[in-house]
Amino acid sequence: MAEQTTRPGVHRAGPADWRWLLGALRARFETASFGAGAAFVAAVGRLAQEADRPPDADLRAGHVQLALRGRDAGGVTARDVRLAERISALASDRGLSARPDRVQVLELALDTPAPEAVLPFWSAVLGGCGADGSVVDPAGGLPPLWFQATGSTAPDRQRFHLDVTVPPEAADRRIAAAVAAGGRVVDDSRAPAFVVLADPDGNRACVCTELGRD
């Protein structure tokens, strides 16, 4: 029997140092060195092999970011949550600091009146594949590109914008920092799902969370 997909609380998904962002449990652990990070990733790999649940891992000089999702189940399952708990315990044993406030996911959005017509072009340019109306890099190196239908055909309309999804507790700080840096709030009617911001030149971006999406 297939394991049931679950949606943990978006403020605390499993252990306190994991956050649910865009269909995956995500965590960031600070490391003292690249070697310490590599050793941690190797240990995570052994846990993941036991659980038969390979994570996405991004190893950098000062931190490791992990994402857990049950690809065969269409989302996060209880097994992923259990693995997250074991990884958190491993990180604690190694003295690594969890930084859930620094977890974020970037998406590109293209406003277009003809999403179906332009999707094949962008799939070819980016070397990605279509998935649920978006273009996704199979290697995970590029942010996904999704298409937002619009009725506007004005030649000077903004076509591309960025969507940055952050933990709910980080959204207000991110928005306040953007406003303090010269930006402005264009539309907060859909908060906390997303808030539309603009820079001093009028270019727009969205700060998003998993709250208010149901």
C-alpha atoms as a PDB file:
ATOM      1  CA  MET A   1       0.000   0.000   0.000  1.00  0.00           C
ATOM      2  CA  ALA A   2       1.346   3.448  -0.929  1.00  0.00           C
ATOM      3  CA  GLU A   3       2.261   5.695   1.967  1.00  0.00           C
ATOM      4  CA  GLN A   4      -0.126   8.577   2.480  1.00  0.00           C
ATOM      5  CA  THR A   5       1.150  12.011   1.526  1.00  0.00           C
ATOM      6  CA  THR A   6       1.081  14.405   4.458  1.00  0.00           C
ATOM      7  CA  ARG A   7       1.272  18.173   4.858  1.00  0.00           C
ATOM      8  CA  PRO A   8       2.882  19.067   8.171  1.00  0.00           C
ATOM      9  CA  GLY A   9       2.355  22.482   9.736  1.00  0.00           C
ATOM     10  CA  VAL A  10       4.167  25.071   7.685  1.00  0.00           C
ATOM     11  CA  HIS A  11       5.674  26.770  10.727  1.00  0.00           C
ATOM     12  CA  ARG A  12       7.044  23.504  12.107  1.00  0.00           C
ATOM     13  CA  ALA A  13       7.275  20.626   9.682  1.00  0.00           C
ATOM     14  CA  GLY A  14       8.556  17.650  11.643  1.00  0.00           C
ATOM     15  CA  PRO A  15      11.585  18.828  13.617  1.00  0.00           C
ATOM     16  CA  ALA A  16      11.707  22.535  14.430  1.00  0.00           C
ATOM     17  CA  ASP A  17      14.579  23.162  12.024  1.00  0.00           C
ATOM     18  CA  TRP A  18      12.678  22.026   8.906  1.00  0.00           C
ATOM     19  CA  ARG A  19      10.198  24.038   6.866  1.00  0.00           C
ATOM     20  CA  TRP A  20       7.648  23.014   4.240  1.00  0.00           C
ATOM     21  CA  LEU A  21       8.284  25.088   1.095  1.00  0.00           C
ATOM     22  CA  LEU A  22       6.829  24.302  -2.327  1.00  0.00           C
ATOM     23  CA  GLY A  23       6.068  20.651  -1.761  1.00  0.00           C
ATOM     24  CA  ALA A  24       9.218  19.640   0.108  1.00  0.00           C
ATOM     25  CA  LEU A  25      10.653  19.616   3.616  1.00  0.00           C
ATOM     26  CA  ARG A  26      13.714  21.865   3.576  1.00  0.00           C
ATOM     27  CA  ALA A  27      16.480  22.589   6.073  1.00  0.00           C
ATOM     28  CA  ARG A  28      19.768  24.457   6.213  1.00  0.00           C
ATOM     29  CA  PHE A  29      22.611  23.511   8.541  1.00  0.00           C
ATOM     30  CA  GLU A  30      25.641  25.744   9.116  1.00  0.00           C
ATOM     31  CA  THR A  31      29.007  23.953   9.032  1.00  0.00           C
ATOM     32  CA  ALA A  32      32.477  24.965  10.173  1.00  0.00           C
ATOM     33  CA  SER A  33      34.143  23.901   6.936  1.00  0.00           C
ATOM     34  CA  PHE A  34      33.539  22.304   3.563  1.00  0.00           C
ATOM     35  CA  GLY A  35      35.004  19.069   4.926  1.00  0.00           C
ATOM     36  CA  ALA A  36      32.592  19.049   7.850  1.00  0.00           C
ATOM     37  CA  GLY A  37      29.722  19.631   5.453  1.00  0.00           C
ATOM     38  CA  ALA A  38      30.883  16.830   3.174  1.00  0.00           C
ATOM     39  CA  ALA A  39      31.131  14.420   6.109  1.00  0.00           C
ATOM     40  CA  PHE A  40      27.636  15.407   7.219  1.00  0.00           C
ATOM     41  CA  VAL A  41      26.236  14.852   3.720  1.00  0.00           C
ATOM     42  CA  ALA A  42      27.893  11.427   3.600  1.00  0.00           C
ATOM     43  CA  ALA A  43      26.284  10.505   6.924  1.00  0.00           C
ATOM     44  CA  VAL A  44      22.921  11.805   5.698  1.00  0.00           C
ATOM     45  CA  GLY A  45      23.389   9.623   2.638  1.00  0.00           C
ATOM     46  CA  ARG A  46      23.695   6.533   4.790  1.00  0.00           C
ATOM     47  CA  LEU A  47      20.514   7.410   6.690  1.00  0.00           C
ATOM     48  CA  ALA A  48      18.702   8.103   3.427  1.00  0.00           C
ATOM     49  CA  GLN A  49      19.826   4.794   1.966  1.00  0.00           C
ATOM     50  CA  GLU A  50      18.427   2.969   4.980  1.00  0.00           C
ATOM     51  CA  ALA A  51      15.143   4.838   4.565  1.00  0.00           C
ATOM     52  CA  ASP A  52      15.179   4.474   0.763  1.00  0.00           C
ATOM     53  CA  ARG A  53      14.478   8.217   0.579  1.00  0.00           C
ATOM     54  CA  PRO A  54      17.256  10.110  -1.250  1.00  0.00           C
ATOM     55  CA  PRO A  55      17.249  13.843  -0.456  1.00  0.00           C
ATOM     56  CA  ASP A  56      18.359  16.733  -2.629  1.00  0.00           C
ATOM     57  CA  ALA A  57      21.577  18.078  -1.113  1.00  0.00           C
ATOM     58  CA  ASP A  58      23.366  21.357  -1.791  1.00  0.00           C
ATOM     59  CA  LEU A  59      26.843  21.415  -0.234  1.00  0.00           C
ATOM     60  CA  ARG A  60      28.623  24.772   0.099  1.00  0.00           C
ATOM     61  CA  ALA A  61      31.678  25.988   1.986  1.00  0.00           C
ATOM     62  CA  GLY A  62      29.724  27.077   5.060  1.00  0.00           C
ATOM     63  CA  HIS A  63      26.430  25.245   4.951  1.00  0.00           C
ATOM     64  CA  VAL A  64      24.389  22.315   3.686  1.00  0.00           C
ATOM     65  CA  GLN A  65      20.826  22.620   2.417  1.00  0.00           C
ATOM     66  CA  LEU A  66      18.577  19.575   2.177  1.00  0.00           C
ATOM     67  CA  ALA A  67      15.175  18.930   0.631  1.00  0.00           C
ATOM     68  CA  LEU A  68      13.017  15.852   1.222  1.00  0.00           C
ATOM     69  CA  ARG A  69      10.065  14.878  -0.950  1.00  0.00           C
ATOM     70  CA  GLY A  70       8.495  11.545  -1.810  1.00  0.00           C
ATOM     71  CA  ARG A  71       8.724  11.624  -5.586  1.00  0.00           C
ATOM     72  CA  ASP A  72       6.897   8.336  -5.914  1.00  0.00           C
ATOM     73  CA  ALA A  73       4.077   9.566  -3.650  1.00  0.00           C
ATOM     74  CA  GLY A  74       3.518  12.996  -5.151  1.00  0.00           C
ATOM     75  CA  GLY A  75       4.671  14.877  -2.056  1.00  0.00           C
ATOM     76  CA  VAL A  76       6.056  14.589   1.448  1.00  0.00           C
ATOM     77  CA  THR A  77       5.115  11.456   3.366  1.00  0.00           C
ATOM     78  CA  ALA A  78       5.379  10.397   6.989  1.00  0.00           C
ATOM     79  CA  ARG A  79       8.523   8.494   6.010  1.00  0.00           C
ATOM     80  CA  ASP A  80      10.125  11.766   4.892  1.00  0.00           C
ATOM     81  CA  VAL A  81       9.199  13.382   8.211  1.00  0.00           C
ATOM     82  CA  ARG A  82      10.810  10.492  10.101  1.00  0.00           C
ATOM     83  CA  LEU A  83      13.975  10.846   8.022  1.00  0.00           C
ATOM     84  CA  ALA A  84      14.005  14.591   8.712  1.00  0.00           C
ATOM     85  CA  GLU A  85      13.891  13.834  12.433  1.00  0.00           C
ATOM     86  CA  ARG A  86      16.859  11.471  12.123  1.00  0.00           C
ATOM     87  CA  ILE A  87      18.834  14.020  10.098  1.00  0.00           C
ATOM     88  CA  SER A  88      18.142  16.698  12.701  1.00  0.00           C
ATOM     89  CA  ALA A  89      19.391  14.403  15.446  1.00  0.00           C
ATOM     90  CA  LEU A  90      22.517  13.686  13.392  1.00  0.00           C
ATOM     91  CA  ALA A  91      23.146  17.410  12.903  1.00  0.00           C
ATOM     92  CA  SER A  92      22.717  18.043  16.628  1.00  0.00           C
ATOM     93  CA  ASP A  93      25.162  15.272  17.480  1.00  0.00           C
ATOM     94  CA  ARG A  94      27.724  16.888  15.168  1.00  0.00           C
ATOM     95  CA  GLY A  95      27.202  20.340  16.646  1.00  0.00           C
ATOM     96  CA  LEU A  96      25.733  21.840  13.484  1.00  0.00           C
ATOM     97  CA  SER A  97      23.445  24.858  13.740  1.00  0.00           C
ATOM     98  CA  ALA A  98      20.077  24.728  11.989  1.00  0.00           C
ATOM     99  CA  ARG A  99      19.045  27.962  10.242  1.00  0.00           C
ATOM    100  CA  PRO A 100      15.438  27.525   9.068  1.00  0.00           C
ATOM    101  CA  ASP A 101      15.150  31.316   8.765  1.00  0.00           C
ATOM    102  CA  ARG A 102      17.568  31.188   5.824  1.00  0.00           C
ATOM    103  CA  VAL A 103      15.693  28.566   3.829  1.00  0.00           C
ATOM    104  CA  GLN A 104      14.164  29.961   0.637  1.00  0.00           C
ATOM    105  CA  VAL A 105      13.129  28.870  -2.850  1.00  0.00           C
ATOM    106  CA  LEU A 106      13.290  31.009  -5.983  1.00  0.00           C
ATOM    107  CA  GLU A 107      10.893  30.652  -8.911  1.00  0.00           C
ATOM    108  CA  LEU A 108      10.719  32.616 -12.170  1.00  0.00           C
ATOM    109  CA  ALA A 109       7.290  33.645 -13.406  1.00  0.00           C
ATOM    110  CA  LEU A 110       6.422  34.772 -16.926  1.00  0.00           C
ATOM    111  CA  ASP A 111       3.203  36.704 -17.459  1.00  0.00           C
ATOM    112  CA  THR A 112       1.802  35.702 -20.840  1.00  0.00           C
ATOM    113  CA  PRO A 113      -1.584  35.545 -22.568  1.00  0.00           C
ATOM    114  CA  ALA A 114      -0.584  32.202 -24.168  1.00  0.00           C
ATOM    115  CA  PRO A 115       1.119  29.873 -21.641  1.00  0.00           C
ATOM    116  CA  GLU A 116       0.657  26.722 -23.763  1.00  0.00           C
ATOM    117  CA  ALA A 117       2.171  28.390 -26.812  1.00  0.00           C
ATOM    118  CA  VAL A 118       5.365  29.598 -25.117  1.00  0.00           C
ATOM    119  CA  LEU A 119       6.051  26.630 -22.824  1.00  0.00           C
ATOM    120  CA  PRO A 120       7.743  24.463 -25.527  1.00  0.00           C
ATOM    121  CA  PHE A 121      10.079  27.331 -26.441  1.00  0.00           C
ATOM    122  CA  TRP A 122      11.230  27.887 -22.866  1.00  0.00           C
ATOM    123  CA  SER A 123      11.596  24.152 -22.299  1.00  0.00           C
ATOM    124  CA  ALA A 124      13.976  24.050 -25.269  1.00  0.00           C
ATOM    125  CA  VAL A 125      15.945  27.157 -24.244  1.00  0.00           C
ATOM    126  CA  LEU A 126      16.385  26.061 -20.629  1.00  0.00           C
ATOM    127  CA  GLY A 127      16.942  22.388 -21.414  1.00  0.00           C
ATOM    128  CA  GLY A 128      14.151  21.498 -19.036  1.00  0.00           C
ATOM    129  CA  CYS A 129      10.963  19.513 -19.203  1.00  0.00           C
ATOM    130  CA  GLY A 130       7.352  20.515 -18.785  1.00  0.00           C
ATOM    131  CA  ALA A 131       5.776  19.583 -15.448  1.00  0.00           C
ATOM    132  CA  ASP A 132       2.326  20.800 -14.407  1.00  0.00           C
ATOM    133  CA  GLY A 133       2.541  23.734 -16.794  1.00  0.00           C
ATOM    134  CA  SER A 134       6.035  24.746 -15.647  1.00  0.00           C
ATOM    135  CA  VAL A 135       9.555  24.228 -16.949  1.00  0.00           C
ATOM    136  CA  VAL A 136      11.732  22.274 -14.512  1.00  0.00           C
ATOM    137  CA  ASP A 137      15.461  21.590 -14.730  1.00  0.00           C
ATOM    138  CA  PRO A 138      15.874  17.804 -14.239  1.00  0.00           C
ATOM    139  CA  ALA A 139      19.242  18.415 -12.548  1.00  0.00           C
ATOM    140  CA  GLY A 140      17.770  20.974 -10.151  1.00  0.00           C
ATOM    141  CA  GLY A 141      20.387  23.577 -11.013  1.00  0.00           C
ATOM    142  CA  LEU A 142      17.976  26.215 -12.327  1.00  0.00           C
ATOM    143  CA  PRO A 143      14.896  27.673 -10.635  1.00  0.00           C
ATOM    144  CA  PRO A 144      11.594  26.463 -12.089  1.00  0.00           C
ATOM    145  CA  LEU A 145       9.810  28.713 -14.568  1.00  0.00           C
ATOM    146  CA  TRP A 146       6.034  28.923 -14.372  1.00  0.00           C
ATOM    147  CA  PHE A 147       3.567  30.817 -16.535  1.00  0.00           C
ATOM    148  CA  GLN A 148       0.996  33.245 -15.203  1.00  0.00           C
ATOM    149  CA  ALA A 149      -1.879  33.877 -17.565  1.00  0.00           C
ATOM    150  CA  THR A 150      -2.592  37.526 -18.236  1.00  0.00           C
ATOM    151  CA  GLY A 151      -5.046  39.325 -20.468  1.00  0.00           C
ATOM    152  CA  SER A 152      -2.613  42.173 -21.126  1.00  0.00           C
ATOM    153  CA  THR A 153      -0.801  42.367 -24.444  1.00  0.00           C
ATOM    154  CA  ALA A 154       0.748  45.807 -23.847  1.00  0.00           C
ATOM    155  CA  PRO A 155       4.278  45.799 -25.290  1.00  0.00           C
ATOM    156  CA  ASP A 156       5.687  47.623 -22.250  1.00  0.00           C
ATOM    157  CA  ARG A 157       4.167  45.358 -19.599  1.00  0.00           C
ATOM    158  CA  GLN A 158       6.480  43.608 -17.158  1.00  0.00           C
ATOM    159  CA  ARG A 159       6.806  40.043 -18.377  1.00  0.00           C
ATOM    160  CA  PHE A 160       9.135  38.298 -15.946  1.00  0.00           C
ATOM    161  CA  HIS A 161       9.033  38.550 -12.171  1.00  0.00           C
ATOM    162  CA  LEU A 162      10.609  36.636  -9.287  1.00  0.00           C
ATOM    163  CA  ASP A 163       8.722  34.653  -6.649  1.00  0.00           C
ATOM    164  CA  VAL A 164      10.708  34.076  -3.457  1.00  0.00           C
ATOM    165  CA  THR A 165       9.106  31.594  -1.045  1.00  0.00           C
ATOM    166  CA  VAL A 166      10.323  31.857   2.553  1.00  0.00           C
ATOM    167  CA  PRO A 167       9.248  30.432   5.922  1.00  0.00           C
ATOM    168  CA  PRO A 168       6.178  32.266   7.252  1.00  0.00           C
ATOM    169  CA  GLU A 169       8.075  33.728  10.196  1.00  0.00           C
ATOM    170  CA  ALA A 170      10.633  35.302   7.826  1.00  0.00           C
ATOM    171  CA  ALA A 171       8.210  36.947   5.393  1.00  0.00           C
ATOM    172  CA  ASP A 172       7.492  40.154   7.310  1.00  0.00           C
ATOM    173  CA  ARG A 173      11.195  40.782   7.866  1.00  0.00           C
ATOM    174  CA  ARG A 174      11.947  40.218   4.190  1.00  0.00           C
ATOM    175  CA  ILE A 175       9.162  42.588   3.105  1.00  0.00           C
ATOM    176  CA  ALA A 176      10.236  45.242   5.616  1.00  0.00           C
ATOM    177  CA  ALA A 177      13.835  45.016   4.409  1.00  0.00           C
ATOM    178  CA  ALA A 178      12.705  45.454   0.795  1.00  0.00           C
ATOM    179  CA  VAL A 179      10.659  48.535   1.689  1.00  0.00           C
ATOM    180  CA  ALA A 180      13.550  49.966   3.727  1.00  0.00           C
ATOM    181  CA  ALA A 181      15.788  49.444   0.693  1.00  0.00           C
ATOM    182  CA  GLY A 182      13.597  51.740  -1.408  1.00  0.00           C
ATOM    183  CA  GLY A 183      10.832  49.383  -2.496  1.00  0.00           C
ATOM    184  CA  ARG A 184       7.102  49.611  -1.938  1.00  0.00           C
ATOM    185  CA  VAL A 185       4.196  47.258  -1.360  1.00  0.00           C
ATOM    186  CA  VAL A 186       2.033  47.092  -4.490  1.00  0.00           C
ATOM    187  CA  ASP A 187      -0.568  44.564  -3.312  1.00  0.00           C
ATOM    188  CA  ASP A 188      -0.918  42.710  -0.016  1.00  0.00           C
ATOM    189  CA  SER A 189      -4.520  41.599  -0.483  1.00  0.00           C
ATOM    190  CA  ARG A 190      -3.416  37.935  -0.788  1.00  0.00           C
ATOM    191  CA  ALA A 191      -1.087  37.980   2.219  1.00  0.00           C
ATOM    192  CA  PRO A 192       0.246  35.794   3.726  1.00  0.00           C
ATOM    193  CA  ALA A 193       0.196  33.658   0.559  1.00  0.00           C
ATOM    194  CA  PHE A 194       2.093  36.377  -1.298  1.00  0.00           C
ATOM    195  CA  VAL A 195       2.803  40.095  -1.228  1.00  0.00           C
ATOM    196  CA  VAL A 196       3.645  41.981  -4.424  1.00  0.00           C
ATOM    197  CA  LEU A 197       6.555  44.421  -4.112  1.00  0.00           C
ATOM    198  CA  ALA A 198       8.130  46.864  -6.545  1.00  0.00           C
ATOM    199  CA  ASP A 199      11.598  48.382  -6.685  1.00  0.00           C
ATOM    200  CA  PRO A 200      12.122  52.146  -7.211  1.00  0.00           C
ATOM    201  CA  ASP A 201      11.969  51.581 -10.981  1.00  0.00           C
ATOM    202  CA  GLY A 202       8.628  49.751 -10.764  1.00  0.00           C
ATOM    203  CA  ASN A 203       9.944  46.214 -11.349  1.00  0.00           C
ATOM    204  CA  ARG A 204       7.879  43.718  -9.363  1.00  0.00           C
ATOM    205  CA  ALA A 205       8.599  40.646  -7.266  1.00  0.00           C
ATOM    206  CA  CYS A 206       6.574  38.520  -4.834  1.00  0.00           C
ATOM    207  CA  VAL A 207       7.485  37.367  -1.346  1.00  0.00           C
ATOM    208  CA  CYS A 208       5.500  34.165  -0.794  1.00  0.00           C
ATOM    209  CA  THR A 209       4.780  31.704   2.015  1.00  0.00           C
ATOM    210  CA  GLU A 210       2.857  28.449   2.285  1.00  0.00           C
ATOM    211  CA  LEU A 211       0.174  30.079   4.441  1.00  0.00           C
ATOM    212  CA  GLY A 212      -3.166  31.055   2.950  1.00  0.00           C
ATOM    213  CA  ARG A 213      -2.845  28.842  -0.109  1.00  0.00           C
ATOM    214  CA  ASP A 214      -5.653  26.400   0.685  1.00  0.00           C
END
